[in-house]
PDB file of N, CA and C in Angstrom:
ATOM      1  N   MET A   1      28.838  10.077  32.812  1.00  0.00           N
ATOM      2  CA  MET A   1      29.017   8.749  32.242  1.00  0.00           C
ATOM      3  C   MET A   1      28.083   8.589  31.043  1.00  0.00           C
ATOM      4  N   ALA A   2      28.621   8.198  29.936  1.00  0.00           N
ATOM      5  CA  ALA A   2      27.832   8.020  28.715  1.00  0.00           C
ATOM      6  C   ALA A   2      27.010   6.736  28.791  1.00  0.00           C
ATOM      7  N   THR A   3      25.815   6.814  28.249  1.00  0.00           N
ATOM      8  CA  THR A   3      24.962   5.630  28.204  1.00  0.00           C
ATOM      9  C   THR A   3      25.468   4.694  27.106  1.00  0.00           C
ATOM     10  N   VAL A   4      24.972   3.471  27.102  1.00  0.00           N
ATOM     11  CA  VAL A   4      25.343   2.501  26.072  1.00  0.00           C
ATOM     12  C   VAL A   4      24.952   3.039  24.702  1.00  0.00           C
ATOM     13  N   HIS A   5      23.788   3.655  24.609  1.00  0.00           N
ATOM     14  CA  HIS A   5      23.324   4.218  23.347  1.00  0.00           C
ATOM     15  C   HIS A   5      24.290   5.294  22.844  1.00  0.00           C
ATOM     16  N   GLU A   6      24.727   6.178  23.723  1.00  0.00           N
ATOM     17  CA  GLU A   6      25.660   7.240  23.339  1.00  0.00           C
ATOM     18  C   GLU A   6      27.004   6.662  22.890  1.00  0.00           C
ATOM     19  N   GLN A   7      27.481   5.645  23.593  1.00  0.00           N
ATOM     20  CA  GLN A   7      28.739   5.000  23.220  1.00  0.00           C
ATOM     21  C   GLN A   7      28.627   4.364  21.838  1.00  0.00           C
ATOM     22  N   ARG A   8      27.502   3.696  21.606  1.00  0.00           N
ATOM     23  CA  ARG A   8      27.265   3.051  20.317  1.00  0.00           C
ATOM     24  C   ARG A   8      27.242   4.093  19.196  1.00  0.00           C
ATOM     25  N   GLN A   9      26.590   5.215  19.441  1.00  0.00           N
ATOM     26  CA  GLN A   9      26.515   6.276  18.442  1.00  0.00           C
ATOM     27  C   GLN A   9      27.901   6.820  18.118  1.00  0.00           C
ATOM     28  N   ARG A  10      28.734   6.986  19.133  1.00  0.00           N
ATOM     29  CA  ARG A  10      30.095   7.472  18.904  1.00  0.00           C
ATOM     30  C   ARG A  10      30.906   6.491  18.058  1.00  0.00           C
ATOM     31  N   LEU A  11      30.750   5.191  18.344  1.00  0.00           N
ATOM     32  CA  LEU A  11      31.453   4.175  17.563  1.00  0.00           C
ATOM     33  C   LEU A  11      31.025   4.221  16.095  1.00  0.00           C
ATOM     34  N   ILE A  12      29.740   4.369  15.864  1.00  0.00           N
ATOM     35  CA  ILE A  12      29.220   4.443  14.496  1.00  0.00           C
ATOM     36  C   ILE A  12      29.756   5.675  13.799  1.00  0.00           C
ATOM     37  N   GLN A  13      29.737   6.817  14.476  1.00  0.00           N
ATOM     38  CA  GLN A  13      30.230   8.055  13.878  1.00  0.00           C
ATOM     39  C   GLN A  13      31.711   7.951  13.522  1.00  0.00           C
ATOM     40  N   ARG A  14      32.505   7.338  14.405  1.00  0.00           N
ATOM     41  CA  ARG A  14      33.927   7.158  14.119  1.00  0.00           C
ATOM     42  C   ARG A  14      34.134   6.265  12.900  1.00  0.00           C
ATOM     43  N   ALA A  15      33.370   5.186  12.835  1.00  0.00           N
ATOM     44  CA  ALA A  15      33.489   4.267  11.699  1.00  0.00           C
ATOM     45  C   ALA A  15      33.113   4.959  10.398  1.00  0.00           C
ATOM     46  N   LEU A  16      32.081   5.779  10.427  1.00  0.00           N
ATOM     47  CA  LEU A  16      31.659   6.498   9.227  1.00  0.00           C
ATOM     48  C   LEU A  16      32.699   7.507   8.770  1.00  0.00           C
ATOM     49  N   ARG A  17      33.366   8.146   9.710  1.00  0.00           N
ATOM     50  CA  ARG A  17      34.403   9.117   9.348  1.00  0.00           C
ATOM     51  C   ARG A  17      35.586   8.416   8.683  1.00  0.00           C
ATOM     52  N   ARG A  18      35.893   7.206   9.139  1.00  0.00           N
ATOM     53  CA  ARG A  18      37.032   6.466   8.567  1.00  0.00           C
ATOM     54  C   ARG A  18      36.752   6.074   7.125  1.00  0.00           C
ATOM     55  N   ASP A  19      35.635   5.366   6.898  1.00  0.00           N
ATOM     56  CA  ASP A  19      35.332   4.887   5.543  1.00  0.00           C
ATOM     57  C   ASP A  19      33.862   4.501   5.455  1.00  0.00           C
ATOM     58  N   PRO A  20      33.034   5.402   4.939  1.00  0.00           N
ATOM     59  CA  PRO A  20      31.589   5.127   4.846  1.00  0.00           C
ATOM     60  C   PRO A  20      31.280   3.861   4.062  1.00  0.00           C
ATOM     61  N   GLY A  21      32.061   3.554   3.039  1.00  0.00           N
ATOM     62  CA  GLY A  21      31.812   2.356   2.235  1.00  0.00           C
ATOM     63  C   GLY A  21      31.941   1.076   3.037  1.00  0.00           C
ATOM     64  N   THR A  22      32.861   1.056   3.980  1.00  0.00           N
ATOM     65  CA  THR A  22      33.061  -0.120   4.828  1.00  0.00           C
ATOM     66  C   THR A  22      31.821  -0.386   5.671  1.00  0.00           C
ATOM     67  N   VAL A  23      31.213   0.668   6.185  1.00  0.00           N
ATOM     68  CA  VAL A  23      30.012   0.516   7.003  1.00  0.00           C
ATOM     69  C   VAL A  23      28.873  -0.058   6.164  1.00  0.00           C
ATOM     70  N   VAL A  24      28.741   0.438   4.947  1.00  0.00           N
ATOM     71  CA  VAL A  24      27.687  -0.061   4.056  1.00  0.00           C
ATOM     72  C   VAL A  24      27.911  -1.539   3.759  1.00  0.00           C
ATOM     73  N   ASP A  25      29.127  -1.889   3.384  1.00  0.00           N
ATOM     74  CA  ASP A  25      29.434  -3.286   3.077  1.00  0.00           C
ATOM     75  C   ASP A  25      29.197  -4.192   4.284  1.00  0.00           C
ATOM     76  N   GLY A  26      29.609  -3.727   5.443  1.00  0.00           N
ATOM     77  CA  GLY A  26      29.394  -4.505   6.669  1.00  0.00           C
ATOM     78  C   GLY A  26      27.920  -4.673   6.988  1.00  0.00           C
ATOM     79  N   SER A  27      27.146  -3.627   6.774  1.00  0.00           N
ATOM     80  CA  SER A  27      25.702  -3.695   7.030  1.00  0.00           C
ATOM     81  C   SER A  27      25.033  -4.690   6.097  1.00  0.00           C
ATOM     82  N   ILE A  28      25.421  -4.664   4.836  1.00  0.00           N
ATOM     83  CA  ILE A  28      24.849  -5.603   3.863  1.00  0.00           C
ATOM     84  C   ILE A  28      25.213  -7.030   4.237  1.00  0.00           C
ATOM     85  N   ARG A  29      26.457  -7.256   4.600  1.00  0.00           N
ATOM     86  CA  ARG A  29      26.896  -8.598   5.001  1.00  0.00           C
ATOM     87  C   ARG A  29      26.114  -9.097   6.211  1.00  0.00           C
ATOM     88  N   LEU A  30      25.923  -8.237   7.210  1.00  0.00           N
ATOM     89  CA  LEU A  30      25.157  -8.630   8.399  1.00  0.00           C
ATOM     90  C   LEU A  30      23.704  -8.923   8.048  1.00  0.00           C
ATOM     91  N   TRP A  31      23.128  -8.103   7.168  1.00  0.00           N
ATOM     92  CA  TRP A  31      21.739  -8.310   6.751  1.00  0.00           C
ATOM     93  C   TRP A  31      21.594  -9.658   6.039  1.00  0.00           C
ATOM     94  N   GLU A  32      22.535 -10.000   5.174  1.00  0.00           N
ATOM     95  CA  GLU A  32      22.489 -11.275   4.467  1.00  0.00           C
ATOM     96  C   GLU A  32      22.602 -12.452   5.435  1.00  0.00           C
ATOM     97  N   GLN A  33      23.465 -12.321   6.429  1.00  0.00           N
ATOM     98  CA  GLN A  33      23.601 -13.380   7.436  1.00  0.00           C
ATOM     99  C   GLN A  33      22.307 -13.542   8.228  1.00  0.00           C
ATOM    100  N   LEU A  34      21.701 -12.420   8.597  1.00  0.00           N
ATOM    101  CA  LEU A  34      20.442 -12.454   9.334  1.00  0.00           C
ATOM    102  C   LEU A  34      19.356 -13.133   8.506  1.00  0.00           C
ATOM    103  N   CYS A  35      19.272 -12.774   7.221  1.00  0.00           N
ATOM    104  CA  CYS A  35      18.270 -13.377   6.334  1.00  0.00           C
ATOM    105  C   CYS A  35      18.458 -14.885   6.221  1.00  0.00           C
ATOM    106  N   THR A  36      19.705 -15.319   6.120  1.00  0.00           N
ATOM    107  CA  THR A  36      19.999 -16.747   6.025  1.00  0.00           C
ATOM    108  C   THR A  36      19.514 -17.480   7.276  1.00  0.00           C
ATOM    109  N   GLU A  37      19.824 -16.929   8.433  1.00  0.00           N
ATOM    110  CA  GLU A  37      19.423 -17.573   9.691  1.00  0.00           C
ATOM    111  C   GLU A  37      17.905 -17.552   9.874  1.00  0.00           C
ATOM    112  N   LEU A  38      17.298 -16.402   9.621  1.00  0.00           N
ATOM    113  CA  LEU A  38      15.849 -16.291   9.808  1.00  0.00           C
ATOM    114  C   LEU A  38      15.067 -17.160   8.833  1.00  0.00           C
ATOM    115  N   SER A  39      15.555 -17.275   7.602  1.00  0.00           N
ATOM    116  CA  SER A  39      14.816 -18.063   6.607  1.00  0.00           C
ATOM    117  C   SER A  39      14.759 -19.539   7.000  1.00  0.00           C
ATOM    118  N   GLN A  40      15.730 -20.004   7.761  1.00  0.00           N
ATOM    119  CA  GLN A  40      15.698 -21.388   8.247  1.00  0.00           C
ATOM    120  C   GLN A  40      14.603 -21.580   9.292  1.00  0.00           C
ATOM    121  N   ILE A  41      14.226 -20.508   9.959  1.00  0.00           N
ATOM    122  CA  ILE A  41      13.227 -20.587  11.023  1.00  0.00           C
ATOM    123  C   ILE A  41      11.833 -20.234  10.504  1.00  0.00           C
ATOM    124  N   ILE A  42      11.730 -19.130   9.777  1.00  0.00           N
ATOM    125  CA  ILE A  42      10.402 -18.651   9.360  1.00  0.00           C
ATOM    126  C   ILE A  42      10.180 -18.716   7.854  1.00  0.00           C
ATOM    127  N   GLY A  43      11.160 -19.209   7.126  1.00  0.00           N
ATOM    128  CA  GLY A  43      11.029 -19.340   5.684  1.00  0.00           C
ATOM    129  C   GLY A  43      11.320 -18.043   4.954  1.00  0.00           C
ATOM    130  N   GLU A  44      11.526 -18.196   3.644  1.00  0.00           N
ATOM    131  CA  GLU A  44      11.871 -17.037   2.827  1.00  0.00           C
ATOM    132  C   GLU A  44      10.736 -16.017   2.790  1.00  0.00           C
ATOM    133  N   ARG A  45       9.510 -16.499   2.687  1.00  0.00           N
ATOM    134  CA  ARG A  45       8.360 -15.589   2.666  1.00  0.00           C
ATOM    135  C   ARG A  45       8.230 -14.841   3.994  1.00  0.00           C
ATOM    136  N   GLY A  46       8.544 -15.505   5.100  1.00  0.00           N
ATOM    137  CA  GLY A  46       8.502 -14.846   6.402  1.00  0.00           C
ATOM    138  C   GLY A  46       9.521 -13.719   6.494  1.00  0.00           C
ATOM    139  N   VAL A  47      10.714 -13.966   5.963  1.00  0.00           N
ATOM    140  CA  VAL A  47      11.753 -12.935   5.953  1.00  0.00           C
ATOM    141  C   VAL A  47      11.310 -11.761   5.078  1.00  0.00           C
ATOM    142  N   GLU A  48      10.739 -12.076   3.913  1.00  0.00           N
ATOM    143  CA  GLU A  48      10.247 -11.014   3.022  1.00  0.00           C
ATOM    144  C   GLU A  48       9.177 -10.177   3.712  1.00  0.00           C
ATOM    145  N   SER A  49       8.276 -10.830   4.431  1.00  0.00           N
ATOM    146  CA  SER A  49       7.218 -10.108   5.145  1.00  0.00           C
ATOM    147  C   SER A  49       7.780  -9.202   6.231  1.00  0.00           C
ATOM    148  N   MET A  50       8.753  -9.725   6.987  1.00  0.00           N
ATOM    149  CA  MET A  50       9.368  -8.920   8.043  1.00  0.00           C
ATOM    150  C   MET A  50      10.102  -7.723   7.452  1.00  0.00           C
ATOM    151  N   TYR A  51      10.794  -7.934   6.336  1.00  0.00           N
ATOM    152  CA  TYR A  51      11.524  -6.841   5.688  1.00  0.00           C
ATOM    153  C   TYR A  51      10.547  -5.765   5.209  1.00  0.00           C
ATOM    154  N   ALA A  52       9.466  -6.205   4.561  1.00  0.00           N
ATOM    155  CA  ALA A  52       8.469  -5.244   4.061  1.00  0.00           C
ATOM    156  C   ALA A  52       7.854  -4.463   5.214  1.00  0.00           C
ATOM    157  N   ARG A  53       7.571  -5.134   6.310  1.00  0.00           N
ATOM    158  CA  ARG A  53       6.976  -4.468   7.475  1.00  0.00           C
ATOM    159  C   ARG A  53       7.959  -3.462   8.089  1.00  0.00           C
ATOM    160  N   SER A  54       9.233  -3.858   8.227  1.00  0.00           N
ATOM    161  CA  SER A  54      10.202  -2.919   8.805  1.00  0.00           C
ATOM    162  C   SER A  54      10.411  -1.707   7.916  1.00  0.00           C
ATOM    163  N   LEU A  55      10.414  -1.941   6.602  1.00  0.00           N
ATOM    164  CA  LEU A  55      10.547  -0.823   5.677  1.00  0.00           C
ATOM    165  C   LEU A  55       9.347   0.116   5.799  1.00  0.00           C
ATOM    166  N   HIS A  56       8.169  -0.465   5.899  1.00  0.00           N
ATOM    167  CA  HIS A  56       6.952   0.332   6.057  1.00  0.00           C
ATOM    168  C   HIS A  56       7.008   1.167   7.346  1.00  0.00           C
ATOM    169  N   GLN A  57       7.420   0.546   8.438  1.00  0.00           N
ATOM    170  CA  GLN A  57       7.511   1.251   9.717  1.00  0.00           C
ATOM    171  C   GLN A  57       8.591   2.331   9.686  1.00  0.00           C
ATOM    172  N   SER A  58       9.692   2.077   8.986  1.00  0.00           N
ATOM    173  CA  SER A  58      10.794   3.046   8.902  1.00  0.00           C
ATOM    174  C   SER A  58      10.390   4.304   8.159  1.00  0.00           C
ATOM    175  N   GLN A  59       9.435   4.184   7.245  1.00  0.00           N
ATOM    176  CA  GLN A  59       9.010   5.331   6.456  1.00  0.00           C
ATOM    177  C   GLN A  59       8.427   6.441   7.324  1.00  0.00           C
ATOM    178  N   LYS A  60       7.921   6.086   8.477  1.00  0.00           N
ATOM    179  CA  LYS A  60       7.360   7.097   9.376  1.00  0.00           C
ATOM    180  C   LYS A  60       8.435   8.080   9.841  1.00  0.00           C
ATOM    181  N   GLN A  61       9.626   7.559  10.086  1.00  0.00           N
ATOM    182  CA  GLN A  61      10.700   8.410  10.588  1.00  0.00           C
ATOM    183  C   GLN A  61      11.661   8.845   9.477  1.00  0.00           C
ATOM    184  N   PHE A  62      11.837   7.992   8.472  1.00  0.00           N
ATOM    185  CA  PHE A  62      12.790   8.260   7.401  1.00  0.00           C
ATOM    186  C   PHE A  62      12.047   8.274   6.071  1.00  0.00           C
ATOM    187  N   SER A  63      11.617   9.447   5.655  1.00  0.00           N
ATOM    188  CA  SER A  63      10.774   9.559   4.473  1.00  0.00           C
ATOM    189  C   SER A  63      11.458   9.061   3.204  1.00  0.00           C
ATOM    190  N   TRP A  64      12.771   9.083   3.136  1.00  0.00           N
ATOM    191  CA  TRP A  64      13.469   8.611   1.947  1.00  0.00           C
ATOM    192  C   TRP A  64      13.264   7.120   1.716  1.00  0.00           C
ATOM    193  N   CYS A  65      12.826   6.382   2.738  1.00  0.00           N
ATOM    194  CA  CYS A  65      12.570   4.940   2.573  1.00  0.00           C
ATOM    195  C   CYS A  65      11.423   4.688   1.597  1.00  0.00           C
ATOM    196  N   ARG A  66      10.599   5.678   1.370  1.00  0.00           N
ATOM    197  CA  ARG A  66       9.498   5.508   0.418  1.00  0.00           C
ATOM    198  C   ARG A  66      10.019   5.306  -1.002  1.00  0.00           C
ATOM    199  N   LEU A  67      11.251   5.712  -1.241  1.00  0.00           N
ATOM    200  CA  LEU A  67      11.841   5.576  -2.575  1.00  0.00           C
ATOM    201  C   LEU A  67      12.273   4.152  -2.879  1.00  0.00           C
ATOM    202  N   ILE A  68      12.379   3.319  -1.839  1.00  0.00           N
ATOM    203  CA  ILE A  68      12.836   1.943  -2.014  1.00  0.00           C
ATOM    204  C   ILE A  68      11.661   1.097  -2.499  1.00  0.00           C
ATOM    205  N   ARG A  69      11.866   0.385  -3.572  1.00  0.00           N
ATOM    206  CA  ARG A  69      10.840  -0.496  -4.126  1.00  0.00           C
ATOM    207  C   ARG A  69      11.316  -1.939  -4.048  1.00  0.00           C
ATOM    208  N   ARG A  70      10.405  -2.811  -3.676  1.00  0.00           N
ATOM    209  CA  ARG A  70      10.724  -4.235  -3.622  1.00  0.00           C
ATOM    210  C   ARG A  70      10.619  -4.832  -5.021  1.00  0.00           C
ATOM    211  N   LYS A  71      11.524  -5.746  -5.315  1.00  0.00           N
ATOM    212  CA  LYS A  71      11.452  -6.494  -6.576  1.00  0.00           C
ATOM    213  C   LYS A  71      10.558  -7.690  -6.355  1.00  0.00           C
ATOM    214  N   ARG A  72       9.723  -7.969  -7.317  1.00  0.00           N
ATOM    215  CA  ARG A  72       8.850  -9.141  -7.210  1.00  0.00           C
ATOM    216  C   ARG A  72       9.184 -10.143  -8.253  1.00  0.00           C
TER     217      ARG A  72
END
């Protein structure tokens, strides 16, 4: 029996095989929705701080994240 994590990974892989651009567009749309909701609770600066922190933490596992620069 596959775990929930394994099932989720299979769904993602299938979606990527169909159309990688769709996954990117969907991810951006979800991120924008999340930012809108979070900014109402913690403010725009709070969202910026959380994004910067997650990007910093991601660099440990995904070295290519170091190439991403924040606009000020």
